[in-house]
Amino acid sequence: MSGVSNVKPLKGDPAPGMVEKKGSSLWLTHVLMLIGIFFVFFPIWLAFVASTVTQEAIVTPPMPLMPGDHFFENYKRALFSGVNIPVTTMLINSLIMALGIAFGKIVISLLSAFAIVYFRFPGKSLFFWIIFITLMLPVEVRIVPTYEVVAGFGMLNSYSGLIFPLIASATATFLFRQFFMTIPDELAEAARVDGARPMRFFIDIVVPMSRTNIAALFVILFIYGWNQYLWPLLITTEPDMNTIVMGIKQMFPSGDDTADWPVIMATSILAMIPPVIVVVSMQKLFISGLVDSEK
C-alpha cells in the first residue's frame, strides 16, 4: 500500500481536486458569457422588434418584446421608399465605399511594404517613418486641405471622392512590412535564381503567403469604411450619394416632426447585415491572421 500511496501523478495529469475547480470555473465562465451576450444582444432585439410593429405600438408603453406582423410592410417601405431616399440606394453607396476603401488600402499597403522591405533606394528608412508618422494625422485633422484637393479635382458627390482620400493606410503598411520581414531571405534568393522578376515574386509568393493577414485587414478596413460618417457628410450634398450611416442620422426629424420609428429601426437592422456577413464569412481567416504566429 505504501508503494501505491507514493505514486506521483504523471506530468499533465490533473492534481486531486482540480476537476471540480475546473468544472465550476467553466460553469461560471459560461454564465458570465451568457450575461454579456444578453446585454449586447438585447438592444439589437428591441430594434428588430420595433422594426416589425406599428408606430403606435412603439410610442405607446409598454413597448412589445415580441415581433409584430408588420415585418414585410416596414422593411419594404425602408428598402424602396425610406424617409428621405430608399435604403437600397444608401446600402449600395456604403457597400461601394467600404469595398473601395478596403481593397484600395490593402493594395497600396502591400505594394508600399513590399518596396520598403525588398528594394534598396536612398532614404528608404526615412520614407517608412514618414508613412508611420501619418498615424498621428487622422482624417479629422487633415479634413480641410483634403476637401480642398477633392473639390479642386471635381470629385464632390462621387464615389472617387468618397474612396480615394481614405485609401492610404500607415497601419496596414506597417503590419505588412513586419510580416514581410519574417519571410526567409532564401525564398527571394531562390526566386531571383529562377529568373523571377520582382513583381512575379510578389504575386506568386508574397501575396499568397499574406492571405490570412489580408483577410484580417480586409474585415477591419471594410468595417472602417462602412462606418464612415464625417467624410461622406462633408463631400456629398446630393441625397442619392448618402451612405447608410448618414441616412440613419438624417432620418431623425428636427423640430416637432414625428420620427417614423419602424422605418428607422428597419434601416438600422439592414445597416448591420453587410458587416455581419463579412465578419462571419471570414471569421476563420480573420482570427488566423490576428493570432497565428507560425508564418
C-alpha atoms as a PDB file:
ATOM      1  CA  MET A   1       0.000   0.000   0.000  1.00  0.00           C
ATOM      2  CA  SER A   2       2.907   2.323   0.717  1.00  0.00           C
ATOM      3  CA  GLY A   3       4.074   1.914  -2.863  1.00  0.00           C
ATOM      4  CA  VAL A   4       0.654   2.928  -4.146  1.00  0.00           C
ATOM      5  CA  SER A   5       0.459   5.961  -1.888  1.00  0.00           C
ATOM      6  CA  ASN A   6       3.866   7.203  -3.050  1.00  0.00           C
ATOM      7  CA  VAL A   7       2.983   7.090  -6.747  1.00  0.00           C
ATOM      8  CA  LYS A   8       3.203  10.614  -8.181  1.00  0.00           C
ATOM      9  CA  PRO A   9       0.855  11.777 -10.902  1.00  0.00           C
ATOM     10  CA  LEU A  10       2.323  11.889 -14.357  1.00  0.00           C
ATOM     11  CA  LYS A  11       3.150  15.209 -15.933  1.00  0.00           C
ATOM     12  CA  GLY A  12      -0.004  16.690 -17.418  1.00  0.00           C
ATOM     13  CA  ASP A  13      -2.370  14.715 -15.160  1.00  0.00           C
ATOM     14  CA  PRO A  14      -4.808  16.868 -13.161  1.00  0.00           C
ATOM     15  CA  ALA A  15      -3.995  17.210  -9.489  1.00  0.00           C
ATOM     16  CA  PRO A  16      -6.515  15.965  -6.906  1.00  0.00           C
ATOM     17  CA  GLY A  17      -9.446  18.345  -6.555  1.00  0.00           C
ATOM     18  CA  MET A  18      -8.748  20.146  -9.838  1.00  0.00           C
ATOM     19  CA  VAL A  19     -11.650  18.551 -11.725  1.00  0.00           C
ATOM     20  CA  GLU A  20     -14.285  20.200  -9.529  1.00  0.00           C
ATOM     21  CA  LYS A  21     -12.497  23.547  -9.638  1.00  0.00           C
ATOM     22  CA  LYS A  22     -12.174  23.423 -13.403  1.00  0.00           C
ATOM     23  CA  GLY A  23     -15.822  22.470 -13.753  1.00  0.00           C
ATOM     24  CA  SER A  24     -17.027  25.329 -11.560  1.00  0.00           C
ATOM     25  CA  SER A  25     -14.771  27.803 -13.333  1.00  0.00           C
ATOM     26  CA  LEU A  26     -16.065  26.642 -16.691  1.00  0.00           C
ATOM     27  CA  TRP A  27     -19.668  26.965 -15.494  1.00  0.00           C
ATOM     28  CA  LEU A  28     -19.048  30.468 -14.158  1.00  0.00           C
ATOM     29  CA  THR A  29     -17.347  31.466 -17.415  1.00  0.00           C
ATOM     30  CA  HIS A  30     -20.355  30.335 -19.427  1.00  0.00           C
ATOM     31  CA  VAL A  31     -22.754  32.199 -17.149  1.00  0.00           C
ATOM     32  CA  LEU A  32     -20.767  35.419 -17.468  1.00  0.00           C
ATOM     33  CA  MET A  33     -20.560  34.950 -21.228  1.00  0.00           C
ATOM     34  CA  LEU A  34     -24.336  34.474 -21.480  1.00  0.00           C
ATOM     35  CA  ILE A  35     -24.921  37.596 -19.384  1.00  0.00           C
ATOM     36  CA  GLY A  36     -22.601  39.564 -21.660  1.00  0.00           C
ATOM     37  CA  ILE A  37     -24.364  38.240 -24.765  1.00  0.00           C
ATOM     38  CA  PHE A  38     -27.716  39.254 -23.278  1.00  0.00           C
ATOM     39  CA  PHE A  39     -26.612  42.837 -22.644  1.00  0.00           C
ATOM     40  CA  VAL A  40     -25.129  43.100 -26.150  1.00  0.00           C
ATOM     41  CA  PHE A  41     -27.981  41.388 -27.990  1.00  0.00           C
ATOM     42  CA  PHE A  42     -30.969  42.834 -26.126  1.00  0.00           C
ATOM     43  CA  PRO A  43     -30.801  46.339 -27.717  1.00  0.00           C
ATOM     44  CA  ILE A  44     -30.498  44.704 -31.145  1.00  0.00           C
ATOM     45  CA  TRP A  45     -33.514  42.553 -30.352  1.00  0.00           C
ATOM     46  CA  LEU A  46     -35.510  45.638 -29.327  1.00  0.00           C
ATOM     47  CA  ALA A  47     -34.546  47.348 -32.598  1.00  0.00           C
ATOM     48  CA  PHE A  48     -35.682  44.285 -34.552  1.00  0.00           C
ATOM     49  CA  VAL A  49     -38.977  44.142 -32.657  1.00  0.00           C
ATOM     50  CA  ALA A  50     -39.538  47.851 -33.273  1.00  0.00           C
ATOM     51  CA  SER A  51     -38.987  47.268 -36.988  1.00  0.00           C
ATOM     52  CA  THR A  52     -41.839  44.756 -37.117  1.00  0.00           C
ATOM     53  CA  VAL A  53     -44.614  46.679 -35.321  1.00  0.00           C
ATOM     54  CA  THR A  54     -46.601  49.842 -35.937  1.00  0.00           C
ATOM     55  CA  GLN A  55     -45.721  53.365 -34.877  1.00  0.00           C
ATOM     56  CA  GLU A  56     -48.461  53.297 -32.227  1.00  0.00           C
ATOM     57  CA  ALA A  57     -47.082  50.138 -30.657  1.00  0.00           C
ATOM     58  CA  ILE A  58     -43.682  51.791 -30.244  1.00  0.00           C
ATOM     59  CA  VAL A  59     -44.812  55.117 -28.785  1.00  0.00           C
ATOM     60  CA  THR A  60     -47.451  53.562 -26.522  1.00  0.00           C
ATOM     61  CA  PRO A  61     -45.907  51.974 -23.397  1.00  0.00           C
ATOM     62  CA  PRO A  62     -45.091  49.277 -22.672  1.00  0.00           C
ATOM     63  CA  MET A  63     -43.152  48.506 -25.815  1.00  0.00           C
ATOM     64  CA  PRO A  64     -43.706  44.940 -27.070  1.00  0.00           C
ATOM     65  CA  LEU A  65     -40.879  42.458 -26.650  1.00  0.00           C
ATOM     66  CA  MET A  66     -42.024  40.050 -29.356  1.00  0.00           C
ATOM     67  CA  PRO A  67     -42.021  40.692 -33.125  1.00  0.00           C
ATOM     68  CA  GLY A  68     -45.192  42.029 -34.710  1.00  0.00           C
ATOM     69  CA  ASP A  69     -46.925  41.274 -38.005  1.00  0.00           C
ATOM     70  CA  HIS A  70     -45.695  44.309 -39.978  1.00  0.00           C
ATOM     71  CA  PHE A  71     -42.273  42.887 -40.854  1.00  0.00           C
ATOM     72  CA  PHE A  72     -42.644  42.808 -44.636  1.00  0.00           C
ATOM     73  CA  GLU A  73     -44.520  46.093 -44.770  1.00  0.00           C
ATOM     74  CA  ASN A  74     -41.943  48.047 -42.743  1.00  0.00           C
ATOM     75  CA  TYR A  75     -38.914  46.586 -44.490  1.00  0.00           C
ATOM     76  CA  LYS A  76     -40.473  47.151 -47.911  1.00  0.00           C
ATOM     77  CA  ARG A  77     -41.067  50.798 -47.002  1.00  0.00           C
ATOM     78  CA  ALA A  78     -37.486  51.130 -45.771  1.00  0.00           C
ATOM     79  CA  LEU A  79     -35.873  49.464 -48.796  1.00  0.00           C
ATOM     80  CA  PHE A  80     -37.882  51.128 -51.551  1.00  0.00           C
ATOM     81  CA  SER A  81     -39.266  54.330 -50.013  1.00  0.00           C
ATOM     82  CA  GLY A  82     -37.336  55.258 -46.891  1.00  0.00           C
ATOM     83  CA  VAL A  83     -37.737  58.592 -45.151  1.00  0.00           C
ATOM     84  CA  ASN A  84     -35.665  60.769 -47.494  1.00  0.00           C
ATOM     85  CA  ILE A  85     -34.289  58.292 -50.042  1.00  0.00           C
ATOM     86  CA  PRO A  86     -34.618  54.488 -50.356  1.00  0.00           C
ATOM     87  CA  VAL A  87     -32.376  52.466 -48.082  1.00  0.00           C
ATOM     88  CA  THR A  88     -31.372  50.332 -51.075  1.00  0.00           C
ATOM     89  CA  THR A  89     -29.559  53.320 -52.604  1.00  0.00           C
ATOM     90  CA  MET A  90     -27.755  54.101 -49.345  1.00  0.00           C
ATOM     91  CA  LEU A  91     -26.734  50.457 -48.890  1.00  0.00           C
ATOM     92  CA  ILE A  92     -25.248  50.373 -52.394  1.00  0.00           C
ATOM     93  CA  ASN A  93     -23.345  53.610 -51.757  1.00  0.00           C
ATOM     94  CA  SER A  94     -21.963  52.311 -48.465  1.00  0.00           C
ATOM     95  CA  LEU A  95     -21.033  48.959 -50.000  1.00  0.00           C
ATOM     96  CA  ILE A  96     -19.136  50.565 -52.880  1.00  0.00           C
ATOM     97  CA  MET A  97     -17.356  52.931 -50.493  1.00  0.00           C
ATOM     98  CA  ALA A  98     -16.425  50.213 -47.967  1.00  0.00           C
ATOM     99  CA  LEU A  99     -15.173  47.790 -50.633  1.00  0.00           C
ATOM    100  CA  GLY A 100     -13.243  50.516 -52.426  1.00  0.00           C
ATOM    101  CA  ILE A 101     -11.553  51.667 -49.222  1.00  0.00           C
ATOM    102  CA  ALA A 102     -10.731  48.116 -48.094  1.00  0.00           C
ATOM    103  CA  PHE A 103      -9.299  46.965 -51.443  1.00  0.00           C
ATOM    104  CA  GLY A 104      -7.516  50.273 -52.022  1.00  0.00           C
ATOM    105  CA  LYS A 105      -5.842  50.272 -48.621  1.00  0.00           C
ATOM    106  CA  ILE A 106      -4.748  46.637 -48.969  1.00  0.00           C
ATOM    107  CA  VAL A 107      -3.311  47.035 -52.482  1.00  0.00           C
ATOM    108  CA  ILE A 108      -1.411  50.235 -51.701  1.00  0.00           C
ATOM    109  CA  SER A 109      -0.161  48.875 -48.369  1.00  0.00           C
ATOM    110  CA  LEU A 110       1.022  45.634 -49.936  1.00  0.00           C
ATOM    111  CA  LEU A 111       2.952  47.447 -52.648  1.00  0.00           C
ATOM    112  CA  SER A 112       4.466  50.044 -50.310  1.00  0.00           C
ATOM    113  CA  ALA A 113       5.504  47.433 -47.728  1.00  0.00           C
ATOM    114  CA  PHE A 114       6.983  45.243 -50.482  1.00  0.00           C
ATOM    115  CA  ALA A 115       9.021  48.181 -51.799  1.00  0.00           C
ATOM    116  CA  ILE A 116      10.266  49.110 -48.326  1.00  0.00           C
ATOM    117  CA  VAL A 117      11.368  45.562 -47.481  1.00  0.00           C
ATOM    118  CA  TYR A 118      12.707  44.184 -50.775  1.00  0.00           C
ATOM    119  CA  PHE A 119      14.038  47.231 -52.642  1.00  0.00           C
ATOM    120  CA  ARG A 120      17.097  49.304 -51.866  1.00  0.00           C
ATOM    121  CA  PHE A 121      16.878  53.029 -52.542  1.00  0.00           C
ATOM    122  CA  PRO A 122      18.165  56.174 -50.813  1.00  0.00           C
ATOM    123  CA  GLY A 123      16.112  57.283 -47.837  1.00  0.00           C
ATOM    124  CA  LYS A 124      14.185  54.019 -47.511  1.00  0.00           C
ATOM    125  CA  SER A 125      14.015  54.201 -43.713  1.00  0.00           C
ATOM    126  CA  LEU A 126      13.094  57.887 -43.862  1.00  0.00           C
ATOM    127  CA  PHE A 127      10.171  57.215 -46.184  1.00  0.00           C
ATOM    128  CA  PHE A 128       8.939  54.424 -43.932  1.00  0.00           C
ATOM    129  CA  TRP A 129       8.979  56.626 -40.845  1.00  0.00           C
ATOM    130  CA  ILE A 130       7.244  59.429 -42.732  1.00  0.00           C
ATOM    131  CA  ILE A 131       4.483  56.938 -43.569  1.00  0.00           C
ATOM    132  CA  PHE A 132       4.390  55.741 -39.978  1.00  0.00           C
ATOM    133  CA  ILE A 133       4.150  59.293 -38.585  1.00  0.00           C
ATOM    134  CA  THR A 134       0.953  59.838 -40.588  1.00  0.00           C
ATOM    135  CA  LEU A 135      -0.748  57.646 -37.970  1.00  0.00           C
ATOM    136  CA  MET A 136      -0.864  60.804 -35.876  1.00  0.00           C
ATOM    137  CA  LEU A 137      -2.779  62.645 -38.621  1.00  0.00           C
ATOM    138  CA  PRO A 138      -6.284  61.145 -38.848  1.00  0.00           C
ATOM    139  CA  VAL A 139      -8.854  62.311 -41.368  1.00  0.00           C
ATOM    140  CA  GLU A 140     -10.335  64.808 -38.907  1.00  0.00           C
ATOM    141  CA  VAL A 141      -7.004  66.677 -38.630  1.00  0.00           C
ATOM    142  CA  ARG A 142      -6.389  66.985 -42.376  1.00  0.00           C
ATOM    143  CA  ILE A 143     -10.009  67.185 -43.480  1.00  0.00           C
ATOM    144  CA  VAL A 144      -9.942  70.818 -44.672  1.00  0.00           C
ATOM    145  CA  PRO A 145      -6.945  70.521 -47.055  1.00  0.00           C
ATOM    146  CA  THR A 146      -8.217  67.118 -48.195  1.00  0.00           C
ATOM    147  CA  TYR A 147     -11.594  68.647 -49.005  1.00  0.00           C
ATOM    148  CA  GLU A 148      -9.908  71.428 -50.999  1.00  0.00           C
ATOM    149  CA  VAL A 149      -7.949  68.896 -53.041  1.00  0.00           C
ATOM    150  CA  VAL A 150     -11.023  66.754 -53.726  1.00  0.00           C
ATOM    151  CA  ALA A 151     -13.075  69.804 -54.674  1.00  0.00           C
ATOM    152  CA  GLY A 152     -10.279  71.019 -56.931  1.00  0.00           C
ATOM    153  CA  PHE A 153     -10.332  67.725 -58.837  1.00  0.00           C
ATOM    154  CA  GLY A 154     -14.123  67.897 -59.167  1.00  0.00           C
ATOM    155  CA  MET A 155     -14.730  64.725 -57.156  1.00  0.00           C
ATOM    156  CA  LEU A 156     -17.510  66.017 -54.907  1.00  0.00           C
ATOM    157  CA  ASN A 157     -20.666  63.865 -54.922  1.00  0.00           C
ATOM    158  CA  SER A 158     -18.798  60.952 -56.498  1.00  0.00           C
ATOM    159  CA  TYR A 159     -17.564  57.516 -55.481  1.00  0.00           C
ATOM    160  CA  SER A 160     -13.993  58.515 -56.267  1.00  0.00           C
ATOM    161  CA  GLY A 161     -14.283  61.393 -53.799  1.00  0.00           C
ATOM    162  CA  LEU A 162     -15.609  59.025 -51.158  1.00  0.00           C
ATOM    163  CA  ILE A 163     -12.878  56.434 -51.672  1.00  0.00           C
ATOM    164  CA  PHE A 164      -9.571  57.902 -52.862  1.00  0.00           C
ATOM    165  CA  PRO A 165      -8.806  60.244 -49.920  1.00  0.00           C
ATOM    166  CA  LEU A 166      -9.177  57.327 -47.483  1.00  0.00           C
ATOM    167  CA  ILE A 167      -7.251  54.529 -49.198  1.00  0.00           C
ATOM    168  CA  ALA A 168      -3.795  55.267 -47.751  1.00  0.00           C
ATOM    169  CA  SER A 169      -3.137  53.307 -44.558  1.00  0.00           C
ATOM    170  CA  ALA A 170       0.027  53.594 -42.480  1.00  0.00           C
ATOM    171  CA  THR A 171      -1.227  50.872 -40.131  1.00  0.00           C
ATOM    172  CA  ALA A 172      -1.664  48.297 -42.899  1.00  0.00           C
ATOM    173  CA  THR A 173       1.712  49.248 -44.391  1.00  0.00           C
ATOM    174  CA  PHE A 174       3.399  48.727 -41.037  1.00  0.00           C
ATOM    175  CA  LEU A 175       1.703  45.352 -40.461  1.00  0.00           C
ATOM    176  CA  PHE A 176       2.595  44.047 -43.923  1.00  0.00           C
ATOM    177  CA  ARG A 177       6.166  45.297 -43.514  1.00  0.00           C
ATOM    178  CA  GLN A 178       6.525  43.396 -40.249  1.00  0.00           C
ATOM    179  CA  PHE A 179       5.185  40.230 -41.869  1.00  0.00           C
ATOM    180  CA  PHE A 180       7.372  40.527 -44.975  1.00  0.00           C
ATOM    181  CA  MET A 181      10.429  40.808 -42.739  1.00  0.00           C
ATOM    182  CA  THR A 182       9.636  37.322 -41.352  1.00  0.00           C
ATOM    183  CA  ILE A 183       9.710  35.718 -44.818  1.00  0.00           C
ATOM    184  CA  PRO A 184      13.038  33.856 -45.235  1.00  0.00           C
ATOM    185  CA  ASP A 185      15.542  35.566 -47.495  1.00  0.00           C
ATOM    186  CA  GLU A 186      16.154  32.212 -49.163  1.00  0.00           C
ATOM    187  CA  LEU A 187      12.766  32.494 -50.905  1.00  0.00           C
ATOM    188  CA  ALA A 188      13.735  35.770 -52.532  1.00  0.00           C
ATOM    189  CA  GLU A 189      17.135  34.375 -53.495  1.00  0.00           C
ATOM    190  CA  ALA A 190      15.575  31.226 -54.979  1.00  0.00           C
ATOM    191  CA  ALA A 191      13.114  33.317 -56.976  1.00  0.00           C
ATOM    192  CA  ARG A 192      15.944  35.504 -58.248  1.00  0.00           C
ATOM    193  CA  VAL A 193      17.977  32.439 -59.296  1.00  0.00           C
ATOM    194  CA  ASP A 194      14.952  31.053 -61.152  1.00  0.00           C
ATOM    195  CA  GLY A 195      14.711  34.306 -63.092  1.00  0.00           C
ATOM    196  CA  ALA A 196      11.555  35.617 -61.456  1.00  0.00           C
ATOM    197  CA  ARG A 197      11.074  39.347 -61.719  1.00  0.00           C
ATOM    198  CA  PRO A 198      10.242  41.282 -58.528  1.00  0.00           C
ATOM    199  CA  MET A 199       6.536  41.551 -59.361  1.00  0.00           C
ATOM    200  CA  ARG A 200       6.391  37.832 -60.194  1.00  0.00           C
ATOM    201  CA  PHE A 201       7.926  37.078 -56.802  1.00  0.00           C
ATOM    202  CA  PHE A 202       5.402  39.461 -55.229  1.00  0.00           C
ATOM    203  CA  ILE A 203       2.365  37.934 -56.944  1.00  0.00           C
ATOM    204  CA  ASP A 204       3.306  34.248 -56.803  1.00  0.00           C
ATOM    205  CA  ILE A 205       4.948  34.035 -53.373  1.00  0.00           C
ATOM    206  CA  VAL A 206       4.462  37.084 -51.171  1.00  0.00           C
ATOM    207  CA  VAL A 207       0.744  37.670 -51.745  1.00  0.00           C
ATOM    208  CA  PRO A 208      -0.317  34.000 -51.224  1.00  0.00           C
ATOM    209  CA  MET A 209       1.726  33.862 -48.023  1.00  0.00           C
ATOM    210  CA  SER A 210      -0.053  37.017 -46.825  1.00  0.00           C
ATOM    211  CA  ARG A 211      -3.524  35.551 -47.341  1.00  0.00           C
ATOM    212  CA  THR A 212      -4.550  35.436 -43.672  1.00  0.00           C
ATOM    213  CA  ASN A 213      -3.132  38.888 -42.991  1.00  0.00           C
ATOM    214  CA  ILE A 214      -5.028  40.276 -45.973  1.00  0.00           C
ATOM    215  CA  ALA A 215      -8.252  38.667 -44.758  1.00  0.00           C
ATOM    216  CA  ALA A 216      -7.867  40.048 -41.238  1.00  0.00           C
ATOM    217  CA  LEU A 217      -7.137  43.542 -42.514  1.00  0.00           C
ATOM    218  CA  PHE A 218      -9.986  43.346 -45.029  1.00  0.00           C
ATOM    219  CA  VAL A 219     -12.515  42.755 -42.259  1.00  0.00           C
ATOM    220  CA  ILE A 220     -11.171  45.654 -40.193  1.00  0.00           C
ATOM    221  CA  LEU A 221     -10.914  48.029 -43.154  1.00  0.00           C
ATOM    222  CA  PHE A 222     -14.343  47.115 -44.531  1.00  0.00           C
ATOM    223  CA  ILE A 223     -15.977  47.977 -41.208  1.00  0.00           C
ATOM    224  CA  TYR A 224     -13.886  51.156 -41.055  1.00  0.00           C
ATOM    225  CA  GLY A 225     -15.163  52.224 -44.472  1.00  0.00           C
ATOM    226  CA  TRP A 226     -18.729  51.167 -43.725  1.00  0.00           C
ATOM    227  CA  ASN A 227     -18.883  53.256 -40.542  1.00  0.00           C
ATOM    228  CA  GLN A 228     -17.515  56.451 -42.103  1.00  0.00           C
ATOM    229  CA  TYR A 229     -19.727  59.436 -41.322  1.00  0.00           C
ATOM    230  CA  LEU A 230     -17.818  62.727 -41.249  1.00  0.00           C
ATOM    231  CA  TRP A 231     -16.112  62.471 -44.637  1.00  0.00           C
ATOM    232  CA  PRO A 232     -19.223  61.428 -46.635  1.00  0.00           C
ATOM    233  CA  LEU A 233     -21.223  64.097 -44.815  1.00  0.00           C
ATOM    234  CA  LEU A 234     -18.712  66.738 -45.916  1.00  0.00           C
ATOM    235  CA  ILE A 235     -18.297  65.928 -49.606  1.00  0.00           C
ATOM    236  CA  THR A 236     -21.806  64.734 -50.557  1.00  0.00           C
ATOM    237  CA  THR A 237     -24.655  67.192 -50.979  1.00  0.00           C
ATOM    238  CA  GLU A 238     -26.909  65.113 -53.227  1.00  0.00           C
ATOM    239  CA  PRO A 239     -29.284  62.720 -51.398  1.00  0.00           C
ATOM    240  CA  ASP A 240     -28.561  59.972 -53.935  1.00  0.00           C
ATOM    241  CA  MET A 241     -24.948  59.832 -52.672  1.00  0.00           C
ATOM    242  CA  ASN A 242     -25.856  59.403 -48.995  1.00  0.00           C
ATOM    243  CA  THR A 243     -24.355  56.444 -47.193  1.00  0.00           C
ATOM    244  CA  ILE A 244     -26.339  54.303 -44.770  1.00  0.00           C
ATOM    245  CA  VAL A 245     -24.725  55.856 -41.685  1.00  0.00           C
ATOM    246  CA  MET A 246     -25.599  59.321 -42.947  1.00  0.00           C
ATOM    247  CA  GLY A 247     -29.100  58.188 -43.836  1.00  0.00           C
ATOM    248  CA  ILE A 248     -29.867  56.895 -40.351  1.00  0.00           C
ATOM    249  CA  LYS A 249     -28.802  60.215 -38.825  1.00  0.00           C
ATOM    250  CA  GLN A 250     -30.902  62.193 -41.311  1.00  0.00           C
ATOM    251  CA  MET A 251     -33.976  60.082 -40.614  1.00  0.00           C
ATOM    252  CA  PHE A 252     -34.322  61.642 -37.174  1.00  0.00           C
ATOM    253  CA  PRO A 253     -36.652  64.633 -37.508  1.00  0.00           C
ATOM    254  CA  SER A 254     -35.971  68.151 -36.361  1.00  0.00           C
ATOM    255  CA  GLY A 255     -38.409  70.347 -34.512  1.00  0.00           C
ATOM    256  CA  ASP A 256     -41.896  68.999 -33.810  1.00  0.00           C
ATOM    257  CA  ASP A 257     -41.888  66.387 -36.574  1.00  0.00           C
ATOM    258  CA  THR A 258     -42.564  62.778 -35.594  1.00  0.00           C
ATOM    259  CA  ALA A 259     -39.962  60.119 -36.319  1.00  0.00           C
ATOM    260  CA  ASP A 260     -41.056  57.103 -38.357  1.00  0.00           C
ATOM    261  CA  TRP A 261     -39.606  54.645 -35.853  1.00  0.00           C
ATOM    262  CA  PRO A 262     -40.477  51.382 -37.648  1.00  0.00           C
ATOM    263  CA  VAL A 263     -38.636  52.524 -40.783  1.00  0.00           C
ATOM    264  CA  ILE A 264     -35.703  53.893 -38.766  1.00  0.00           C
ATOM    265  CA  MET A 265     -35.327  50.653 -36.841  1.00  0.00           C
ATOM    266  CA  ALA A 266     -35.647  48.596 -40.039  1.00  0.00           C
ATOM    267  CA  THR A 267     -32.911  50.724 -41.596  1.00  0.00           C
ATOM    268  CA  SER A 268     -30.695  50.176 -38.544  1.00  0.00           C
ATOM    269  CA  ILE A 269     -31.110  46.416 -38.796  1.00  0.00           C
ATOM    270  CA  LEU A 270     -30.390  46.465 -42.540  1.00  0.00           C
ATOM    271  CA  ALA A 271     -27.272  48.562 -41.914  1.00  0.00           C
ATOM    272  CA  MET A 272     -25.841  45.833 -39.670  1.00  0.00           C
ATOM    273  CA  ILE A 273     -26.293  42.975 -42.140  1.00  0.00           C
ATOM    274  CA  PRO A 274     -23.339  43.559 -44.561  1.00  0.00           C
ATOM    275  CA  PRO A 275     -20.680  43.940 -41.809  1.00  0.00           C
ATOM    276  CA  VAL A 276     -22.052  40.878 -40.033  1.00  0.00           C
ATOM    277  CA  ILE A 277     -21.886  38.859 -43.261  1.00  0.00           C
ATOM    278  CA  VAL A 278     -18.276  39.919 -43.839  1.00  0.00           C
ATOM    279  CA  VAL A 279     -17.212  39.083 -40.272  1.00  0.00           C
ATOM    280  CA  VAL A 280     -18.997  35.716 -40.162  1.00  0.00           C
ATOM    281  CA  SER A 281     -17.883  34.592 -43.634  1.00  0.00           C
ATOM    282  CA  MET A 282     -14.231  35.482 -42.959  1.00  0.00           C
ATOM    283  CA  GLN A 283     -14.136  34.591 -39.273  1.00  0.00           C
ATOM    284  CA  LYS A 284     -11.574  31.779 -39.510  1.00  0.00           C
ATOM    285  CA  LEU A 285      -9.184  33.732 -41.718  1.00  0.00           C
ATOM    286  CA  PHE A 286      -9.668  36.817 -39.552  1.00  0.00           C
ATOM    287  CA  ILE A 287      -8.731  35.005 -36.341  1.00  0.00           C
ATOM    288  CA  SER A 288      -5.846  33.182 -38.024  1.00  0.00           C
ATOM    289  CA  GLY A 289      -4.475  36.424 -39.393  1.00  0.00           C
ATOM    290  CA  LEU A 290      -4.526  38.027 -35.946  1.00  0.00           C
ATOM    291  CA  VAL A 291      -3.201  35.216 -33.732  1.00  0.00           C
ATOM    292  CA  ASP A 292      -1.329  32.780 -35.965  1.00  0.00           C
ATOM    293  CA  SER A 293       2.368  33.139 -35.309  1.00  0.00           C
ATOM    294  CA  GLU A 294       3.561  30.209 -37.433  1.00  0.00           C
ATOM    295  CA  LYS A 295       4.245  32.091 -40.641  1.00  0.00           C
END
